[in-house]
C-alpha atoms as a PDB file:
ATOM      1  CA  MET A   1     -60.265  -9.824 -49.403  1.00  0.00           C
ATOM      2  CA  LYS A   2     -56.540 -10.392 -49.866  1.00  0.00           C
ATOM      3  CA  GLU A   3     -56.786  -9.650 -53.584  1.00  0.00           C
ATOM      4  CA  ALA A   4     -58.487  -6.318 -52.828  1.00  0.00           C
ATOM      5  CA  GLU A   5     -55.728  -5.405 -50.349  1.00  0.00           C
ATOM      6  CA  LYS A   6     -53.071  -6.229 -52.943  1.00  0.00           C
ATOM      7  CA  THR A   7     -54.819  -4.087 -55.513  1.00  0.00           C
ATOM      8  CA  GLN A   8     -55.048  -1.137 -53.124  1.00  0.00           C
ATOM      9  CA  SER A   9     -51.404  -1.458 -52.114  1.00  0.00           C
ATOM     10  CA  LYS A  10     -50.204  -1.555 -55.716  1.00  0.00           C
ATOM     11  CA  ALA A  11     -52.051   1.582 -56.863  1.00  0.00           C
ATOM     12  CA  PRO A  12     -50.070   4.122 -54.809  1.00  0.00           C
ATOM     13  CA  VAL A  13     -46.772   2.400 -55.706  1.00  0.00           C
ATOM     14  CA  TYR A  14     -47.474   2.799 -59.438  1.00  0.00           C
ATOM     15  CA  ARG A  15     -48.469   6.413 -58.918  1.00  0.00           C
ATOM     16  CA  THR A  16     -45.323   7.151 -56.932  1.00  0.00           C
ATOM     17  CA  ILE A  17     -43.055   5.535 -59.513  1.00  0.00           C
ATOM     18  CA  LYS A  18     -44.791   7.449 -62.282  1.00  0.00           C
ATOM     19  CA  VAL A  19     -44.266  10.789 -60.557  1.00  0.00           C
ATOM     20  CA  ARG A  20     -40.682  10.109 -59.469  1.00  0.00           C
ATOM     21  CA  SER A  21     -39.574   8.774 -62.840  1.00  0.00           C
ATOM     22  CA  GLY A  22     -40.359  12.145 -64.411  1.00  0.00           C
ATOM     23  CA  LYS A  23     -40.413  10.764 -67.933  1.00  0.00           C
ATOM     24  CA  LEU A  24     -42.263  12.903 -70.413  1.00  0.00           C
ATOM     25  CA  PRO A  25     -45.058  10.810 -72.016  1.00  0.00           C
ATOM     26  CA  ILE A  26     -44.427   9.894 -75.629  1.00  0.00           C
ATOM     27  CA  GLY A  27     -47.527  11.769 -76.773  1.00  0.00           C
ATOM     28  CA  ILE A  28     -46.308  15.030 -75.246  1.00  0.00           C
ATOM     29  CA  TRP A  29     -42.847  14.374 -76.697  1.00  0.00           C
ATOM     30  CA  VAL A  30     -44.366  14.190 -80.173  1.00  0.00           C
ATOM     31  CA  LEU A  31     -46.315  17.425 -79.656  1.00  0.00           C
ATOM     32  CA  VAL A  32     -43.264  19.239 -78.270  1.00  0.00           C
ATOM     33  CA  ILE A  33     -41.050  18.110 -81.170  1.00  0.00           C
ATOM     34  CA  MET A  34     -43.672  19.138 -83.726  1.00  0.00           C
ATOM     35  CA  SER A  35     -44.153  22.540 -82.087  1.00  0.00           C
ATOM     36  CA  LEU A  36     -40.440  23.246 -81.703  1.00  0.00           C
ATOM     37  CA  GLY A  37     -39.810  22.118 -85.274  1.00  0.00           C
ATOM     38  CA  LEU A  38     -42.435  24.506 -86.609  1.00  0.00           C
ATOM     39  CA  ILE A  39     -41.129  27.364 -84.475  1.00  0.00           C
ATOM     40  CA  LEU A  40     -37.516  26.810 -85.542  1.00  0.00           C
ATOM     41  CA  TYR A  41     -38.524  26.532 -89.191  1.00  0.00           C
ATOM     42  CA  SER A  42     -40.596  29.720 -88.914  1.00  0.00           C
ATOM     43  CA  TYR A  43     -37.610  31.710 -87.632  1.00  0.00           C
ATOM     44  CA  LEU A  44     -35.601  30.539 -90.640  1.00  0.00           C
ATOM     45  CA  ALA A  45     -38.367  31.602 -93.036  1.00  0.00           C
ATOM     46  CA  PRO A  46     -37.016  35.144 -93.721  1.00  0.00           C
ATOM     47  CA  TYR A  47     -33.757  33.558 -94.891  1.00  0.00           C
ATOM     48  CA  LEU A  48     -35.238  30.570 -96.715  1.00  0.00           C
ATOM     49  CA  TYR A  49     -38.235  32.354 -98.244  1.00  0.00           C
ATOM     50  CA  PRO A  50     -37.532  36.117 -98.336  1.00  0.00           C
ATOM     51  CA  ILE A  51     -40.784  37.664 -99.553  1.00  0.00           C
ATOM     52  CA  ASP A  52     -42.729  40.880 -99.253  1.00  0.00           C
ATOM     53  CA  LEU A  53     -45.865  40.060 -97.275  1.00  0.00           C
ATOM     54  CA  GLY A  54     -47.732  42.750 -99.174  1.00  0.00           C
ATOM     55  CA  ASP A  55     -47.121  41.239-102.623  1.00  0.00           C
ATOM     56  CA  THR A  56     -50.120  39.726-104.430  1.00  0.00           C
ATOM     57  CA  ASN A  57     -50.579  37.487-107.467  1.00  0.00           C
ATOM     58  CA  LEU A  58     -54.212  37.440-108.512  1.00  0.00           C
ATOM     59  CA  LYS A  59     -53.521  34.993-111.351  1.00  0.00           C
ATOM     60  CA  ASP A  60     -52.836  32.284-108.759  1.00  0.00           C
ATOM     61  CA  ARG A  61     -55.614  33.104-106.302  1.00  0.00           C
ATOM     62  CA  LEU A  62     -57.355  30.295-104.375  1.00  0.00           C
ATOM     63  CA  LEU A  63     -55.280  27.466-105.850  1.00  0.00           C
ATOM     64  CA  ASP A  64     -55.600  24.020-104.279  1.00  0.00           C
ATOM     65  CA  PRO A  65     -52.668  22.676-102.223  1.00  0.00           C
ATOM     66  CA  SER A  66     -50.221  20.333-103.901  1.00  0.00           C
ATOM     67  CA  ILE A  67     -49.623  18.312-100.726  1.00  0.00           C
ATOM     68  CA  PHE A  68     -50.613  14.644-100.972  1.00  0.00           C
ATOM     69  CA  GLY A  69     -51.087  15.110-104.715  1.00  0.00           C
ATOM     70  CA  LEU A  70     -54.297  17.110-104.328  1.00  0.00           C
ATOM     71  CA  SER A  71     -53.282  19.321-107.263  1.00  0.00           C
ATOM     72  CA  ASP A  72     -50.323  20.316-109.418  1.00  0.00           C
ATOM     73  CA  SER A  73     -50.450  23.986-108.426  1.00  0.00           C
ATOM     74  CA  GLY A  74     -46.890  23.981-107.102  1.00  0.00           C
ATOM     75  CA  TYR A  75     -47.994  25.520-103.773  1.00  0.00           C
ATOM     76  CA  LEU A  76     -47.684  23.154-100.814  1.00  0.00           C
ATOM     77  CA  LEU A  77     -50.746  24.492 -98.957  1.00  0.00           C
ATOM     78  CA  GLY A  78     -52.299  26.389-101.833  1.00  0.00           C
ATOM     79  CA  THR A  79     -52.850  30.129-102.131  1.00  0.00           C
ATOM     80  CA  ASP A  80     -55.226  32.607-100.522  1.00  0.00           C
ATOM     81  CA  ALA A  81     -57.664  35.072-102.096  1.00  0.00           C
ATOM     82  CA  LEU A  82     -54.793  37.369-103.119  1.00  0.00           C
ATOM     83  CA  GLY A  83     -52.660  34.622-104.635  1.00  0.00           C
ATOM     84  CA  ARG A  84     -50.178  34.491-101.740  1.00  0.00           C
ATOM     85  CA  ASP A  85     -48.455  31.254-100.727  1.00  0.00           C
ATOM     86  CA  VAL A  86     -50.289  29.958 -97.637  1.00  0.00           C
ATOM     87  CA  ALA A  87     -47.355  27.800 -96.462  1.00  0.00           C
ATOM     88  CA  VAL A  88     -44.873  30.673 -96.494  1.00  0.00           C
ATOM     89  CA  ARG A  89     -47.321  33.084 -94.853  1.00  0.00           C
ATOM     90  CA  LEU A  90     -48.024  30.438 -92.210  1.00  0.00           C
ATOM     91  CA  LEU A  91     -44.338  30.371 -91.278  1.00  0.00           C
ATOM     92  CA  TYR A  92     -44.240  34.160 -90.985  1.00  0.00           C
ATOM     93  CA  ALA A  93     -47.460  34.049 -88.940  1.00  0.00           C
ATOM     94  CA  ILE A  94     -46.050  31.466 -86.511  1.00  0.00           C
ATOM     95  CA  ARG A  95     -42.911  33.549 -86.118  1.00  0.00           C
ATOM     96  CA  ALA A  96     -44.916  36.679 -85.316  1.00  0.00           C
ATOM     97  CA  SER A  97     -47.338  34.985 -82.899  1.00  0.00           C
ATOM     98  CA  ILE A  98     -44.631  33.143 -80.958  1.00  0.00           C
ATOM     99  CA  SER A  99     -42.439  36.242 -80.723  1.00  0.00           C
ATOM    100  CA  LEU A 100     -45.310  38.373 -79.432  1.00  0.00           C
ATOM    101  CA  ALA A 101     -46.356  35.714 -76.919  1.00  0.00           C
ATOM    102  CA  THR A 102     -42.823  35.251 -75.577  1.00  0.00           C
ATOM    103  CA  VAL A 103     -41.922  38.942 -75.298  1.00  0.00           C
ATOM    104  CA  GLY A 104     -45.335  39.817 -73.858  1.00  0.00           C
ATOM    105  CA  LEU A 105     -45.118  37.086 -71.225  1.00  0.00           C
ATOM    106  CA  LEU A 106     -41.558  38.016 -70.266  1.00  0.00           C
ATOM    107  CA  SER A 107     -42.724  41.612 -69.774  1.00  0.00           C
ATOM    108  CA  SER A 108     -45.598  40.319 -67.655  1.00  0.00           C
ATOM    109  CA  VAL A 109     -43.190  38.289 -65.517  1.00  0.00           C
ATOM    110  CA  VAL A 110     -40.937  41.297 -64.902  1.00  0.00           C
ATOM    111  CA  LEU A 111     -43.846  43.575 -63.988  1.00  0.00           C
ATOM    112  CA  GLY A 112     -45.682  40.951 -61.930  1.00  0.00           C
ATOM    113  CA  LEU A 113     -42.523  39.884 -60.094  1.00  0.00           C
ATOM    114  CA  THR A 114     -41.632  43.478 -59.225  1.00  0.00           C
ATOM    115  CA  VAL A 115     -45.122  44.426 -58.032  1.00  0.00           C
ATOM    116  CA  GLY A 116     -45.612  41.152 -56.158  1.00  0.00           C
ATOM    117  CA  ILE A 117     -42.313  41.445 -54.276  1.00  0.00           C
ATOM    118  CA  LEU A 118     -43.090  45.068 -53.445  1.00  0.00           C
ATOM    119  CA  ALA A 119     -46.516  44.137 -52.055  1.00  0.00           C
ATOM    120  CA  GLY A 120     -45.214  41.161 -50.099  1.00  0.00           C
ATOM    121  CA  ILE A 121     -42.230  42.963 -48.579  1.00  0.00           C
ATOM    122  CA  CYS A 122     -43.865  46.306 -47.778  1.00  0.00           C
ATOM    123  CA  GLY A 123     -47.333  45.138 -46.783  1.00  0.00           C
ATOM    124  CA  GLY A 124     -49.760  47.705 -45.376  1.00  0.00           C
ATOM    125  CA  TRP A 125     -51.308  50.193 -47.806  1.00  0.00           C
ATOM    126  CA  VAL A 126     -48.925  49.148 -50.586  1.00  0.00           C
ATOM    127  CA  ASP A 127     -50.265  45.618 -50.388  1.00  0.00           C
ATOM    128  CA  ASP A 128     -53.847  46.915 -50.335  1.00  0.00           C
ATOM    129  CA  VAL A 129     -53.293  49.015 -53.456  1.00  0.00           C
ATOM    130  CA  VAL A 130     -51.650  46.144 -55.334  1.00  0.00           C
ATOM    131  CA  MET A 131     -54.412  43.712 -54.420  1.00  0.00           C
ATOM    132  CA  PHE A 132     -57.023  46.264 -55.474  1.00  0.00           C
ATOM    133  CA  MET A 133     -55.322  46.581 -58.873  1.00  0.00           C
ATOM    134  CA  ILE A 134     -55.148  42.800 -59.229  1.00  0.00           C
ATOM    135  CA  ASN A 135     -58.824  42.388 -58.371  1.00  0.00           C
ATOM    136  CA  VAL A 136     -59.791  45.137 -60.822  1.00  0.00           C
ATOM    137  CA  ARG A 137     -57.782  43.435 -63.557  1.00  0.00           C
ATOM    138  CA  HIS A 138     -59.398  40.043 -62.917  1.00  0.00           C
ATOM    139  CA  SER A 139     -62.867  41.595 -62.948  1.00  0.00           C
ATOM    140  CA  LEU A 140     -62.445  42.752 -66.568  1.00  0.00           C
ATOM    141  CA  PRO A 141     -62.456  40.381 -69.568  1.00  0.00           C
ATOM    142  CA  SER A 142     -59.146  40.162 -71.429  1.00  0.00           C
ATOM    143  CA  ILE A 143     -60.658  40.837 -74.843  1.00  0.00           C
ATOM    144  CA  ILE A 144     -62.382  44.005 -73.590  1.00  0.00           C
ATOM    145  CA  ILE A 145     -59.074  45.311 -72.220  1.00  0.00           C
ATOM    146  CA  GLY A 146     -57.340  44.498 -75.501  1.00  0.00           C
ATOM    147  CA  MET A 147     -59.981  46.245 -77.588  1.00  0.00           C
ATOM    148  CA  ALA A 148     -59.896  49.305 -75.322  1.00  0.00           C
ATOM    149  CA  VAL A 149     -56.093  49.580 -75.462  1.00  0.00           C
ATOM    150  CA  SER A 150     -56.108  49.195 -79.263  1.00  0.00           C
ATOM    151  CA  THR A 151     -58.783  51.855 -79.617  1.00  0.00           C
ATOM    152  CA  ILE A 152     -56.838  54.332 -77.492  1.00  0.00           C
ATOM    153  CA  PHE A 153     -53.245  53.682 -78.575  1.00  0.00           C
ATOM    154  CA  GLY A 154     -53.742  52.229 -82.063  1.00  0.00           C
ATOM    155  CA  PHE A 155     -52.394  49.024 -83.586  1.00  0.00           C
ATOM    156  CA  GLY A 156     -48.997  47.424 -83.965  1.00  0.00           C
ATOM    157  CA  THR A 157     -46.551  44.957 -82.481  1.00  0.00           C
ATOM    158  CA  GLY A 158     -45.692  47.152 -79.510  1.00  0.00           C
ATOM    159  CA  ILE A 159     -49.355  47.631 -78.664  1.00  0.00           C
ATOM    160  CA  VAL A 160     -49.967  43.864 -78.659  1.00  0.00           C
ATOM    161  CA  ILE A 161     -47.027  43.400 -76.278  1.00  0.00           C
ATOM    162  CA  LEU A 162     -48.420  46.192 -74.068  1.00  0.00           C
ATOM    163  CA  MET A 163     -51.845  44.528 -74.012  1.00  0.00           C
ATOM    164  CA  THR A 164     -50.315  41.166 -73.104  1.00  0.00           C
ATOM    165  CA  THR A 165     -48.353  42.760 -70.267  1.00  0.00           C
ATOM    166  CA  LEU A 166     -51.378  44.610 -68.893  1.00  0.00           C
ATOM    167  CA  ILE A 167     -53.469  41.443 -68.919  1.00  0.00           C
ATOM    168  CA  TYR A 168     -51.108  38.740 -67.639  1.00  0.00           C
ATOM    169  CA  TRP A 169     -49.024  40.609 -65.049  1.00  0.00           C
ATOM    170  CA  SER A 170     -51.651  40.137 -62.343  1.00  0.00           C
ATOM    171  CA  GLY A 171     -51.329  36.356 -62.203  1.00  0.00           C
ATOM    172  CA  PHE A 172     -47.577  36.542 -61.672  1.00  0.00           C
ATOM    173  CA  ALA A 173     -47.972  39.378 -59.144  1.00  0.00           C
ATOM    174  CA  ARG A 174     -50.503  37.467 -57.041  1.00  0.00           C
ATOM    175  CA  GLN A 175     -48.386  34.315 -57.069  1.00  0.00           C
ATOM    176  CA  THR A 176     -45.220  36.246 -56.209  1.00  0.00           C
ATOM    177  CA  ARG A 177     -46.928  38.142 -53.387  1.00  0.00           C
ATOM    178  CA  ALA A 178     -48.191  34.916 -51.810  1.00  0.00           C
ATOM    179  CA  GLY A 179     -44.739  33.349 -52.005  1.00  0.00           C
ATOM    180  CA  VAL A 180     -43.031  36.388 -50.483  1.00  0.00           C
ATOM    181  CA  ILE A 181     -45.492  36.594 -47.574  1.00  0.00           C
ATOM    182  CA  GLN A 182     -44.882  32.923 -46.826  1.00  0.00           C
ATOM    183  CA  LEU A 183     -41.101  33.080 -47.170  1.00  0.00           C
ATOM    184  CA  LYS A 184     -40.425  36.227 -45.162  1.00  0.00           C
ATOM    185  CA  LYS A 185     -41.620  34.416 -42.019  1.00  0.00           C
ATOM    186  CA  GLU A 186     -39.109  31.581 -42.465  1.00  0.00           C
ATOM    187  CA  ASN A 187     -36.146  31.204 -40.121  1.00  0.00           C
ATOM    188  CA  PHE A 188     -33.490  31.466 -42.831  1.00  0.00           C
ATOM    189  CA  ILE A 189     -34.817  34.903 -43.809  1.00  0.00           C
ATOM    190  CA  GLU A 190     -34.644  36.051 -40.186  1.00  0.00           C
ATOM    191  CA  CYS A 191     -31.109  34.661 -39.911  1.00  0.00           C
ATOM    192  CA  SER A 192     -30.067  36.539 -43.052  1.00  0.00           C
ATOM    193  CA  ARG A 193     -31.407  39.773 -41.582  1.00  0.00           C
ATOM    194  CA  ALA A 194     -29.645  39.053 -38.297  1.00  0.00           C
ATOM    195  CA  ILE A 195     -26.223  38.794 -39.972  1.00  0.00           C
ATOM    196  CA  GLY A 196     -26.800  42.094 -41.770  1.00  0.00           C
ATOM    197  CA  ALA A 197     -28.070  41.041 -45.205  1.00  0.00           C
ATOM    198  CA  SER A 198     -29.880  43.833 -47.016  1.00  0.00           C
ATOM    199  CA  THR A 199     -33.419  43.509 -48.331  1.00  0.00           C
ATOM    200  CA  ILE A 200     -32.177  43.543 -51.947  1.00  0.00           C
ATOM    201  CA  ARG A 201     -29.757  40.707 -51.220  1.00  0.00           C
ATOM    202  CA  ILE A 202     -32.458  38.656 -49.508  1.00  0.00           C
ATOM    203  CA  ILE A 203     -34.784  39.161 -52.475  1.00  0.00           C
ATOM    204  CA  PHE A 204     -32.259  37.999 -55.070  1.00  0.00           C
ATOM    205  CA  GLU A 205     -30.518  35.267 -53.054  1.00  0.00           C
ATOM    206  CA  HIS A 206     -33.487  33.708 -51.273  1.00  0.00           C
ATOM    207  CA  ILE A 207     -36.929  34.868 -52.341  1.00  0.00           C
ATOM    208  CA  ILE A 208     -36.623  34.788 -56.146  1.00  0.00           C
ATOM    209  CA  LYS A 209     -34.855  31.423 -56.086  1.00  0.00           C
ATOM    210  CA  ASN A 210     -37.584  29.879 -53.948  1.00  0.00           C
ATOM    211  CA  ILE A 211     -40.514  31.185 -55.988  1.00  0.00           C
ATOM    212  CA  ALA A 212     -38.933  30.538 -59.401  1.00  0.00           C
ATOM    213  CA  SER A 213     -40.422  27.051 -59.885  1.00  0.00           C
ATOM    214  CA  PRO A 214     -44.126  27.995 -59.687  1.00  0.00           C
ATOM    215  CA  LEU A 215     -43.482  31.065 -61.843  1.00  0.00           C
ATOM    216  CA  ILE A 216     -41.879  28.895 -64.540  1.00  0.00           C
ATOM    217  CA  VAL A 217     -44.899  26.614 -64.512  1.00  0.00           C
ATOM    218  CA  THR A 218     -47.268  29.589 -64.740  1.00  0.00           C
ATOM    219  CA  PHE A 219     -45.217  31.023 -67.605  1.00  0.00           C
ATOM    220  CA  THR A 220     -45.415  27.727 -69.517  1.00  0.00           C
ATOM    221  CA  ASN A 221     -49.139  27.333 -68.950  1.00  0.00           C
ATOM    222  CA  ASN A 222     -49.795  30.896 -70.131  1.00  0.00           C
ATOM    223  CA  ILE A 223     -47.988  30.526 -73.466  1.00  0.00           C
ATOM    224  CA  GLY A 224     -50.976  28.844 -75.090  1.00  0.00           C
ATOM    225  CA  ALA A 225     -53.361  31.380 -73.558  1.00  0.00           C
ATOM    226  CA  VAL A 226     -51.337  34.318 -74.914  1.00  0.00           C
ATOM    227  CA  ILE A 227     -51.161  32.797 -78.397  1.00  0.00           C
ATOM    228  CA  LEU A 228     -54.925  32.316 -78.331  1.00  0.00           C
ATOM    229  CA  PHE A 229     -55.410  35.866 -77.001  1.00  0.00           C
ATOM    230  CA  GLU A 230     -53.275  37.400 -79.751  1.00  0.00           C
ATOM    231  CA  SER A 231     -54.992  35.295 -82.399  1.00  0.00           C
ATOM    232  CA  SER A 232     -58.404  36.372 -81.125  1.00  0.00           C
ATOM    233  CA  LEU A 233     -57.452  40.058 -81.205  1.00  0.00           C
ATOM    234  CA  SER A 234     -55.987  39.757 -84.707  1.00  0.00           C
ATOM    235  CA  PHE A 235     -59.092  37.903 -85.858  1.00  0.00           C
ATOM    236  CA  LEU A 236     -61.251  40.766 -84.578  1.00  0.00           C
ATOM    237  CA  GLY A 237     -58.986  43.319 -86.261  1.00  0.00           C
ATOM    238  CA  PHE A 238     -57.407  44.734 -83.074  1.00  0.00           C
ATOM    239  CA  GLY A 239     -54.044  42.949 -83.274  1.00  0.00           C
ATOM    240  CA  ILE A 240     -51.511  42.534 -86.070  1.00  0.00           C
ATOM    241  CA  GLN A 241     -52.668  44.418 -89.132  1.00  0.00           C
ATOM    242  CA  PRO A 242     -52.414  43.339 -92.808  1.00  0.00           C
ATOM    243  CA  PRO A 243     -50.301  42.797 -94.781  1.00  0.00           C
ATOM    244  CA  ASN A 244     -48.331  41.448 -91.804  1.00  0.00           C
ATOM    245  CA  ALA A 245     -49.192  37.870 -90.998  1.00  0.00           C
ATOM    246  CA  SER A 246     -50.220  36.256 -87.726  1.00  0.00           C
ATOM    247  CA  LEU A 247     -52.258  33.160 -87.017  1.00  0.00           C
ATOM    248  CA  GLY A 248     -55.298  35.260 -86.141  1.00  0.00           C
ATOM    249  CA  THR A 249     -55.105  37.368 -89.313  1.00  0.00           C
ATOM    250  CA  MET A 250     -54.823  34.224 -91.442  1.00  0.00           C
ATOM    251  CA  VAL A 251     -58.014  32.861 -89.897  1.00  0.00           C
ATOM    252  CA  ASN A 252     -59.694  36.228 -90.413  1.00  0.00           C
ATOM    253  CA  ASN A 253     -58.609  36.430 -94.059  1.00  0.00           C
ATOM    254  CA  GLY A 254     -59.872  32.942 -94.808  1.00  0.00           C
ATOM    255  CA  ARG A 255     -63.240  33.091 -93.062  1.00  0.00           C
ATOM    256  CA  ASN A 256     -64.982  34.508 -96.151  1.00  0.00           C
ATOM    257  CA  TYR A 257     -63.954  31.409 -98.107  1.00  0.00           C
ATOM    258  CA  MET A 258     -64.743  28.729 -95.521  1.00  0.00           C
ATOM    259  CA  VAL A 259     -67.189  26.926 -97.830  1.00  0.00           C
ATOM    260  CA  LEU A 260     -65.091  27.219-100.997  1.00  0.00           C
ATOM    261  CA  LYS A 261     -61.621  26.782 -99.445  1.00  0.00           C
ATOM    262  CA  PRO A 262     -61.941  25.528 -95.831  1.00  0.00           C
ATOM    263  CA  LEU A 263     -58.199  24.863 -95.558  1.00  0.00           C
ATOM    264  CA  LEU A 264     -57.546  28.618 -95.439  1.00  0.00           C
ATOM    265  CA  VAL A 265     -59.162  28.622 -91.984  1.00  0.00           C
ATOM    266  CA  LEU A 266     -58.450  25.048 -90.931  1.00  0.00           C
ATOM    267  CA  ILE A 267     -54.643  25.152 -91.319  1.00  0.00           C
ATOM    268  CA  PRO A 268     -53.882  28.161 -89.056  1.00  0.00           C
ATOM    269  CA  THR A 269     -56.554  26.998 -86.621  1.00  0.00           C
ATOM    270  CA  LEU A 270     -54.872  23.598 -86.297  1.00  0.00           C
ATOM    271  CA  VAL A 271     -51.548  25.312 -85.637  1.00  0.00           C
ATOM    272  CA  ILE A 272     -53.133  27.401 -82.862  1.00  0.00           C
ATOM    273  CA  VAL A 273     -54.630  24.245 -81.345  1.00  0.00           C
ATOM    274  CA  LEU A 274     -51.267  22.454 -81.583  1.00  0.00           C
ATOM    275  CA  PHE A 275     -49.418  25.201 -79.701  1.00  0.00           C
ATOM    276  CA  CYS A 276     -52.130  25.613 -77.061  1.00  0.00           C
ATOM    277  CA  VAL A 277     -52.454  21.881 -76.350  1.00  0.00           C
ATOM    278  CA  THR A 278     -48.675  21.391 -76.269  1.00  0.00           C
ATOM    279  CA  ALA A 279     -48.130  24.280 -73.849  1.00  0.00           C
ATOM    280  CA  SER A 280     -50.979  23.105 -71.614  1.00  0.00           C
ATOM    281  CA  LEU A 281     -49.882  19.464 -71.417  1.00  0.00           C
ATOM    282  CA  TYR A 282     -46.211  20.309 -70.968  1.00  0.00           C
ATOM    283  CA  GLY A 283     -47.091  22.867 -68.291  1.00  0.00           C
ATOM    284  CA  ASP A 284     -49.134  20.273 -66.382  1.00  0.00           C
ATOM    285  CA  TRP A 285     -46.251  17.793 -66.560  1.00  0.00           C
ATOM    286  CA  LEU A 286     -43.777  20.448 -65.437  1.00  0.00           C
ATOM    287  CA  ARG A 287     -46.031  21.411 -62.527  1.00  0.00           C
ATOM    288  CA  ASP A 288     -46.131  17.789 -61.348  1.00  0.00           C
ATOM    289  CA  ARG A 289     -42.351  17.562 -61.578  1.00  0.00           C
ATOM    290  CA  LEU A 290     -41.660  20.788 -59.673  1.00  0.00           C
ATOM    291  CA  ASP A 291     -44.386  20.442 -57.034  1.00  0.00           C
ATOM    292  CA  PRO A 292     -42.617  19.570 -53.753  1.00  0.00           C
ATOM    293  CA  LYS A 293     -45.770  17.932 -52.354  1.00  0.00           C
ATOM    294  CA  LEU A 294     -45.795  15.411 -55.188  1.00  0.00           C
ATOM    295  CA  LYS A 295     -42.064  14.810 -54.829  1.00  0.00           C
ATOM    296  CA  ARG A 296     -42.530  13.771 -51.190  1.00  0.00           C
ATOM    297  CA  LYS A 297     -45.210  11.189 -52.052  1.00  0.00           C
END
């Protein structure tokens, strides 16, 4: 009986120490370093390997990779069906996918934050309209919205950013609205109004600062989802168009050679998985660190 009580008393202590220590697990550290290293290297690619993505070399098509001594082709990850260096194109693809995901998410944050604050502060019919728009957005699949936008407005980098904004703004808006409704009832907000603070000042000095933590966590968790969304659209032919490279287009270009050259599909797919898993695990860790309920335990 005493041993059972000791075991039960030790479990919460270990859990509390683990949460309060805040140390990033070594496995997530490795994933974060690998992801950041690839991203940094990809942004240096135009300076280290300045190439025209539309150039082809049919004499060197479908060569085996030279990594690990698999061949003496001279290409680290081999070549694709048009004789293009897979390693170099992979760097350009990572650069494009990460840039689109980051800019698209930042646009979503700005739009969602603005609409959410407007709904939370104004209330009434404004809140009803915003919630109706959010519910309509969540009732439609993301891929269907992306395909519809591409069909109407065409293809290109700007269109992908527009699609990302139209799809992911609703999550930030709903979270912001909930935070504003909760905060505007607090005493410090009423005190600020009593001393003559304007609504704009209250928004920037109190509301945004208090809802920043959950929005950062949501932003981090959505990075992997946006990368996967962009890759899916490009794979279906509604995203980045050839000869420009993205992770989705690389998978699409290699799918016809999956039996003959499986690495053409496997390599960009593994990179997508790496970024998605890293963003998800780091976002979960960040949520635990910034959650005030867990901090009080």
